[in-house]
Amino acid sequence: MISEGISKLTRVPLREVWKHEAHDFTQWLQLNIDVLNEALDITLINVDRERSAGDFAADLVAEEEGGGTVIIENQLERSNHDHLGKVITYLAAMGAQTAIWLVSDPRPEHVAAIGWLNESSSVSFYMVKVEAVRIAGSPAAPLFTRIVGPSMETKSAGETKHEIAERYGLRKQWWTALLALASKVTKLHSHISPNKDTWISTSSGIRGLNLNYVVNQESFAAELYIDRGKNSEQENKRIFDQLFDHRSEIENSFGGALLWERRDGKQGCRIRYQREEGGYRSPEEKWTELQTPVVEAMVRLERSLRPFLTQLKLGA
């Protein structure tokens, strides 16, 4: 029951208000762009209709008040792939910085796509839902609702994802080069494929004792990492201590000092050779120079540890 003095808002089929999308709605929007401006966080001016973009014509092309071209694509129906493709085509053809896609029924997959585009590019994308409403017997009125648009948060998230993707790509390139170099010296990691992680690993022949290469942005290491699995902290420390008892012999065989990290309070332990001169952020032309001493160190590390690994007293 509606209280006295309050009327009910009802929705009106769009085609009752604008019978033809291009002839009626697009022309109306050109003359009433302020209605759209109220739904957005930008102000559009100098609106032109059906500007050519190659073999196509954008419904509307406008300018942002602060500068920059904006294309507007109208669709008084459920969003579809065809119109999404048009939005991107018009953007590229006109060198626009902003795209606005008006639809009557935004599909979830297209909402997600516009969100992804905002994260993944420097262009700003808006999706706006178009409705017509009236109160009691009043004339129909437009109702524009912003469904998705750009924000500082989405741009920041996009930049973070881009940085992560770049980091992953660099690490995979680093490991590809490292494995090619190492294959000329040793078969230790010959069955390993390059990945995007900070390490690549092969078994020493004893479960939970792995020979790892570890790379960061500015450092690179070869190590024996000791971790026998869940709830193995005490056993890992016993194994580490057995090897540490032979520290002098191992380091004499290796030909230099190693980092012995028992890491009390943490599950895993490691024995490491590390160089701080550079990692995967170093210029690619220097990678061979940086990787060579660590590959050689891995060979010496495995050879120095081998006699003592075979003597270890292990749990079940």
Protein backbone atom coordinates (compact mmCIF):
# COMPACT_ATOMS: atom_id res chain seq x y z
CA MET A 1 0.00 0.00 0.00
CA ILE A 2 1.36 3.41 -1.00
CA SER A 3 1.17 6.08 1.73
CA GLU A 4 -0.77 9.24 1.01
CA GLY A 5 1.34 11.84 -0.76
CA ILE A 6 3.87 9.28 -2.08
CA SER A 7 3.58 7.92 -5.62
CA LYS A 8 4.96 4.69 -7.03
CA LEU A 9 7.84 4.77 -9.52
CA THR A 10 7.20 2.53 -12.52
CA ARG A 11 9.45 1.55 -15.40
CA VAL A 12 8.45 2.23 -18.98
CA PRO A 13 9.60 0.08 -21.92
CA LEU A 14 12.37 1.99 -23.69
CA ARG A 15 10.83 1.55 -27.11
CA GLU A 16 7.71 3.37 -25.94
CA VAL A 17 9.90 6.41 -25.23
CA TRP A 18 12.47 6.11 -28.04
CA LYS A 19 11.09 4.00 -30.86
CA HIS A 20 14.31 4.02 -32.88
CA GLU A 21 17.76 3.89 -31.28
CA ALA A 22 19.62 6.00 -33.84
CA HIS A 23 16.86 8.38 -34.93
CA ASP A 24 15.27 8.94 -31.55
CA PHE A 25 17.49 8.01 -28.59
CA THR A 26 20.83 9.08 -30.06
CA GLN A 27 19.44 12.42 -31.24
CA TRP A 28 17.76 12.98 -27.87
CA LEU A 29 20.99 12.20 -25.99
CA GLN A 30 22.97 14.59 -28.16
CA LEU A 31 20.66 17.40 -27.10
CA ASN A 32 20.41 16.29 -23.48
CA ILE A 33 23.95 15.21 -22.67
CA ASP A 34 23.66 16.90 -19.27
CA VAL A 35 21.41 14.02 -18.14
CA LEU A 36 24.28 11.60 -18.79
CA ASN A 37 26.78 13.97 -17.18
CA GLU A 38 24.80 13.80 -13.95
CA ALA A 39 25.32 10.03 -13.82
CA LEU A 40 29.08 10.22 -14.40
CA ASP A 41 32.09 11.86 -12.81
CA ILE A 42 33.02 13.67 -16.04
CA THR A 43 31.45 16.52 -18.03
CA LEU A 44 30.87 16.00 -21.75
CA ILE A 45 30.68 18.89 -24.21
CA ASN A 46 30.65 19.43 -28.01
CA VAL A 47 28.69 16.30 -28.84
CA ASP A 48 28.64 15.14 -32.50
CA ARG A 49 26.51 12.36 -33.97
CA GLU A 50 27.60 9.37 -36.11
CA ARG A 51 31.25 10.32 -36.56
CA SER A 52 32.97 7.97 -39.04
CA ALA A 53 35.49 5.41 -37.75
CA GLY A 54 36.68 3.55 -40.83
CA ASP A 55 33.77 1.49 -42.16
CA PHE A 56 31.76 2.21 -39.00
CA ALA A 57 30.19 5.24 -37.38
CA ALA A 58 30.26 5.91 -33.65
CA ASP A 59 26.84 6.85 -32.28
CA LEU A 60 28.18 9.95 -30.52
CA VAL A 61 31.59 11.55 -30.15
CA ALA A 62 32.13 14.19 -27.47
CA GLU A 63 34.89 15.96 -25.64
CA GLU A 64 35.65 15.98 -21.94
CA GLU A 65 35.48 19.43 -20.45
CA GLY A 66 39.13 19.12 -19.47
CA GLY A 67 40.16 17.79 -22.89
CA GLY A 68 40.17 14.37 -24.52
CA THR A 69 37.92 12.56 -26.99
CA VAL A 70 35.01 10.44 -25.75
CA ILE A 71 33.07 7.90 -27.82
CA ILE A 72 29.52 6.89 -26.83
CA GLU A 73 27.93 3.65 -28.00
CA ASN A 74 24.18 3.23 -27.50
CA GLN A 75 22.42 -0.12 -27.21
CA LEU A 76 18.78 -0.12 -26.09
CA GLU A 77 18.86 -3.85 -25.51
CA ARG A 78 20.90 -6.51 -23.74
CA SER A 79 24.66 -6.00 -24.07
CA ASN A 80 26.41 -8.25 -26.58
CA HIS A 81 29.87 -9.03 -27.91
CA ASP A 82 29.25 -7.14 -31.15
CA HIS A 83 28.78 -3.82 -29.39
CA LEU A 84 31.71 -4.42 -27.08
CA GLY A 85 33.85 -4.92 -30.18
CA LYS A 86 32.50 -1.69 -31.66
CA VAL A 87 33.40 0.23 -28.50
CA ILE A 88 37.02 -0.93 -28.70
CA THR A 89 37.17 -0.36 -32.48
CA TYR A 90 35.91 3.22 -32.19
CA LEU A 91 38.37 3.95 -29.40
CA ALA A 92 41.30 2.80 -31.49
CA ALA A 93 40.11 4.46 -34.72
CA MET A 94 39.54 7.85 -33.10
CA GLY A 95 42.35 7.84 -30.59
CA ALA A 96 39.83 8.42 -27.81
CA GLN A 97 40.70 8.37 -24.12
CA THR A 98 37.24 7.49 -22.82
CA ALA A 99 34.43 5.14 -23.90
CA ILE A 100 30.83 5.10 -22.63
CA TRP A 101 28.61 2.13 -23.42
CA LEU A 102 24.89 2.66 -22.69
CA VAL A 103 22.77 -0.50 -22.49
CA SER A 104 19.35 -1.44 -21.18
CA ASP A 105 20.44 -4.82 -19.81
CA PRO A 106 24.12 -5.23 -18.91
CA ARG A 107 25.21 -8.87 -18.94
CA PRO A 108 27.55 -9.88 -16.06
CA GLU A 109 30.30 -11.02 -18.42
CA HIS A 110 30.33 -7.61 -20.12
CA VAL A 111 30.37 -5.80 -16.78
CA ALA A 112 33.42 -7.93 -15.89
CA ALA A 113 35.00 -7.17 -19.26
CA ILE A 114 34.66 -3.41 -18.79
CA GLY A 115 36.14 -3.71 -15.31
CA TRP A 116 39.07 -5.68 -16.74
CA LEU A 117 39.61 -3.08 -19.47
CA ASN A 118 39.79 -0.35 -16.85
CA GLU A 119 42.43 -2.31 -14.96
CA SER A 120 44.41 -3.29 -18.04
CA SER A 121 44.67 -0.08 -20.03
CA SER A 122 45.16 3.65 -19.72
CA VAL A 123 41.75 4.26 -21.35
CA SER A 124 38.66 4.91 -19.19
CA PHE A 125 35.60 2.70 -19.81
CA TYR A 126 32.09 3.28 -18.51
CA MET A 127 29.04 1.04 -18.70
CA VAL A 128 25.75 2.83 -18.01
CA LYS A 129 22.32 1.24 -17.66
CA VAL A 130 19.52 3.09 -19.48
CA GLU A 131 15.95 3.00 -18.15
CA ALA A 132 12.79 5.07 -18.53
CA VAL A 133 10.55 5.69 -15.52
CA ARG A 134 7.46 7.65 -14.55
CA ILE A 135 5.60 8.54 -11.41
CA ALA A 136 1.82 8.10 -11.52
CA GLY A 137 0.74 9.62 -14.85
CA SER A 138 3.78 11.82 -15.38
CA PRO A 139 5.70 11.87 -18.68
CA ALA A 140 8.44 9.26 -18.91
CA ALA A 141 11.86 10.35 -17.64
CA PRO A 142 15.32 8.90 -18.36
CA LEU A 143 17.19 7.08 -15.58
CA PHE A 144 20.93 6.51 -16.12
CA THR A 145 22.78 4.29 -13.65
CA ARG A 146 26.53 3.90 -13.76
CA ILE A 147 27.25 0.17 -13.55
CA VAL A 148 31.02 0.24 -13.82
CA GLY A 149 33.63 2.88 -14.50
CA PRO A 150 37.26 3.78 -13.89
CA SER A 151 38.61 4.68 -10.47
CA MET A 152 41.94 5.24 -8.79
CA GLU A 153 41.54 1.82 -7.19
CA THR A 154 40.99 -0.03 -10.48
CA LYS A 155 43.86 1.79 -12.18
CA SER A 156 46.12 1.02 -9.23
CA ALA A 157 45.04 -2.63 -9.30
CA GLY A 158 45.70 -2.72 -13.03
CA GLU A 159 49.18 -1.28 -12.58
CA THR A 160 49.89 -3.86 -9.89
CA LYS A 161 48.74 -6.71 -12.13
CA HIS A 162 50.86 -5.34 -14.96
CA GLU A 163 53.90 -5.18 -12.71
CA ILE A 164 53.29 -8.76 -11.54
CA ALA A 165 52.91 -10.00 -15.12
CA GLU A 166 56.11 -8.19 -16.09
CA ARG A 167 57.92 -9.72 -13.10
CA TYR A 168 56.70 -13.21 -13.98
CA GLY A 169 57.78 -12.75 -17.59
CA LEU A 170 61.25 -11.55 -16.60
CA ARG A 171 61.75 -14.46 -14.22
CA LYS A 172 60.76 -16.99 -16.87
CA GLN A 173 63.25 -15.40 -19.28
CA TRP A 174 65.91 -15.51 -16.53
CA TRP A 175 65.31 -19.22 -15.88
CA THR A 176 65.30 -20.02 -19.60
CA ALA A 177 68.72 -18.42 -19.95
CA LEU A 178 70.01 -20.01 -16.73
CA LEU A 179 68.96 -23.53 -17.66
CA ALA A 180 70.52 -23.20 -21.10
CA LEU A 181 73.76 -22.05 -19.49
CA ALA A 182 73.69 -24.71 -16.75
CA SER A 183 73.09 -27.53 -19.25
CA LYS A 184 76.59 -26.94 -20.63
CA VAL A 185 78.12 -27.57 -17.20
CA THR A 186 75.93 -30.02 -15.28
CA LYS A 187 72.90 -32.31 -15.63
CA LEU A 188 71.57 -31.40 -12.18
CA HIS A 189 68.63 -29.32 -13.49
CA SER A 190 68.48 -30.71 -17.02
CA HIS A 191 64.92 -32.05 -16.57
CA ILE A 192 63.56 -28.78 -15.13
CA SER A 193 61.44 -26.37 -17.19
CA PRO A 194 61.59 -22.59 -16.74
CA ASN A 195 58.78 -21.09 -14.66
CA LYS A 196 57.65 -17.74 -13.27
CA ASP A 197 58.62 -18.42 -9.64
CA THR A 198 61.55 -17.10 -7.63
CA TRP A 199 63.18 -20.53 -7.56
CA ILE A 200 63.73 -23.69 -9.56
CA SER A 201 64.46 -26.93 -7.77
CA THR A 202 65.75 -30.45 -8.23
CA SER A 203 66.08 -33.26 -5.70
CA SER A 204 69.45 -34.06 -4.17
CA GLY A 205 68.35 -37.70 -4.22
CA ILE A 206 67.01 -37.53 -0.67
CA ARG A 207 63.37 -36.66 -0.06
CA GLY A 208 62.94 -33.10 1.13
CA LEU A 209 66.52 -32.06 0.45
CA ASN A 210 66.48 -29.99 -2.73
CA LEU A 211 69.09 -28.15 -4.72
CA ASN A 212 67.58 -24.77 -5.58
CA TYR A 213 68.47 -21.74 -7.60
CA VAL A 214 66.81 -18.68 -6.06
CA VAL A 215 66.60 -15.28 -7.77
CA ASN A 216 65.31 -11.92 -6.59
CA GLN A 217 65.40 -8.55 -8.28
CA GLU A 218 68.98 -7.82 -7.19
CA SER A 219 70.42 -11.13 -5.91
CA PHE A 220 70.95 -14.73 -7.00
CA ALA A 221 71.74 -17.88 -5.00
CA ALA A 222 72.43 -21.62 -5.12
CA GLU A 223 71.37 -23.60 -2.07
CA LEU A 224 70.53 -26.88 -0.43
CA TYR A 225 67.05 -26.42 1.07
CA ILE A 226 65.98 -28.83 3.80
CA ASP A 227 62.27 -29.38 4.35
CA ARG A 228 60.96 -32.91 4.78
CA GLY A 229 57.31 -31.82 4.72
CA LYS A 230 54.52 -31.18 7.18
CA ASN A 231 55.50 -31.12 10.87
CA SER A 232 59.13 -31.83 9.98
CA GLU A 233 60.80 -28.88 11.73
CA GLN A 234 62.65 -30.96 14.32
CA GLU A 235 63.88 -33.48 11.75
CA ASN A 236 64.98 -30.65 9.44
CA LYS A 237 67.05 -29.15 12.28
CA ARG A 238 68.66 -32.55 13.03
CA ILE A 239 69.65 -32.94 9.37
CA PHE A 240 71.02 -29.40 9.26
CA ASP A 241 73.02 -30.00 12.47
CA GLN A 242 74.52 -33.20 11.08
CA LEU A 243 75.76 -31.30 8.04
CA PHE A 244 76.87 -28.32 10.14
CA ASP A 245 79.13 -30.66 12.13
CA HIS A 246 81.12 -31.02 8.89
CA ARG A 247 81.08 -27.33 8.03
CA SER A 248 84.86 -26.96 7.73
CA GLU A 249 85.20 -29.99 5.46
CA ILE A 250 82.27 -28.90 3.27
CA GLU A 251 83.50 -25.32 2.91
CA ASN A 252 87.08 -26.45 2.23
CA SER A 253 85.78 -28.71 -0.53
CA PHE A 254 83.48 -25.98 -1.84
CA GLY A 255 86.31 -23.45 -1.89
CA GLY A 256 84.81 -20.71 0.25
CA ALA A 257 82.37 -19.73 3.00
CA LEU A 258 78.68 -20.61 2.80
CA LEU A 259 75.63 -19.18 4.54
CA TRP A 260 74.40 -21.69 7.14
CA GLU A 261 70.82 -20.75 8.01
CA ARG A 262 69.26 -23.01 10.65
CA ARG A 263 66.28 -20.64 10.80
CA ASP A 264 65.09 -21.51 14.29
CA GLY A 265 61.34 -21.08 14.61
CA LYS A 266 60.82 -21.83 10.93
CA GLN A 267 60.30 -25.20 9.33
CA GLY A 268 62.96 -25.19 6.62
CA CYS A 269 66.75 -24.76 6.80
CA ARG A 270 69.27 -23.98 4.09
CA ILE A 271 72.91 -23.94 3.17
CA ARG A 272 73.46 -21.22 0.60
CA TYR A 273 75.91 -19.52 -1.70
CA GLN A 274 74.63 -16.04 -2.58
CA ARG A 275 75.70 -13.17 -4.80
CA GLU A 276 74.28 -9.66 -4.34
CA GLU A 277 75.64 -8.21 -7.57
CA GLY A 278 72.41 -8.58 -9.53
CA GLY A 279 69.22 -10.54 -10.24
CA TYR A 280 66.52 -10.72 -12.86
CA ARG A 281 66.11 -6.91 -12.94
CA SER A 282 69.67 -6.59 -14.21
CA PRO A 283 70.19 -5.74 -17.91
CA GLU A 284 69.71 -8.90 -19.96
CA GLU A 285 73.11 -8.52 -21.60
CA LYS A 286 74.68 -9.06 -18.14
CA TRP A 287 72.74 -12.21 -17.26
CA THR A 288 75.39 -14.69 -18.44
CA GLU A 289 78.04 -12.83 -16.43
CA LEU A 290 75.83 -12.94 -13.31
CA GLN A 291 74.62 -16.52 -13.72
CA THR A 292 77.93 -18.22 -14.52
CA PRO A 293 79.53 -18.06 -11.03
CA VAL A 294 76.31 -19.28 -9.39
CA VAL A 295 76.00 -22.23 -11.79
CA GLU A 296 79.61 -23.11 -10.99
CA ALA A 297 78.84 -22.72 -7.28
CA MET A 298 75.86 -25.10 -7.60
CA VAL A 299 78.14 -27.78 -9.07
CA ARG A 300 80.69 -27.33 -6.25
CA LEU A 301 77.98 -27.21 -3.59
CA GLU A 302 76.43 -30.48 -4.70
CA ARG A 303 79.85 -32.14 -4.97
CA SER A 304 80.92 -30.90 -1.52
CA LEU A 305 77.71 -32.02 0.19
CA ARG A 306 77.37 -35.40 -1.53
CA PRO A 307 79.66 -37.46 0.78
CA PHE A 308 77.88 -36.16 3.87
CA LEU A 309 74.36 -36.52 2.46
CA THR A 310 74.97 -40.24 2.05
CA GLN A 311 75.90 -40.48 5.75
CA LEU A 312 72.85 -38.72 7.13
CA LYS A 313 70.74 -40.40 9.81
CA LEU A 314 67.19 -39.82 8.65
CA GLY A 315 63.78 -40.36 10.20
CA ALA A 316 61.12 -42.53 8.60
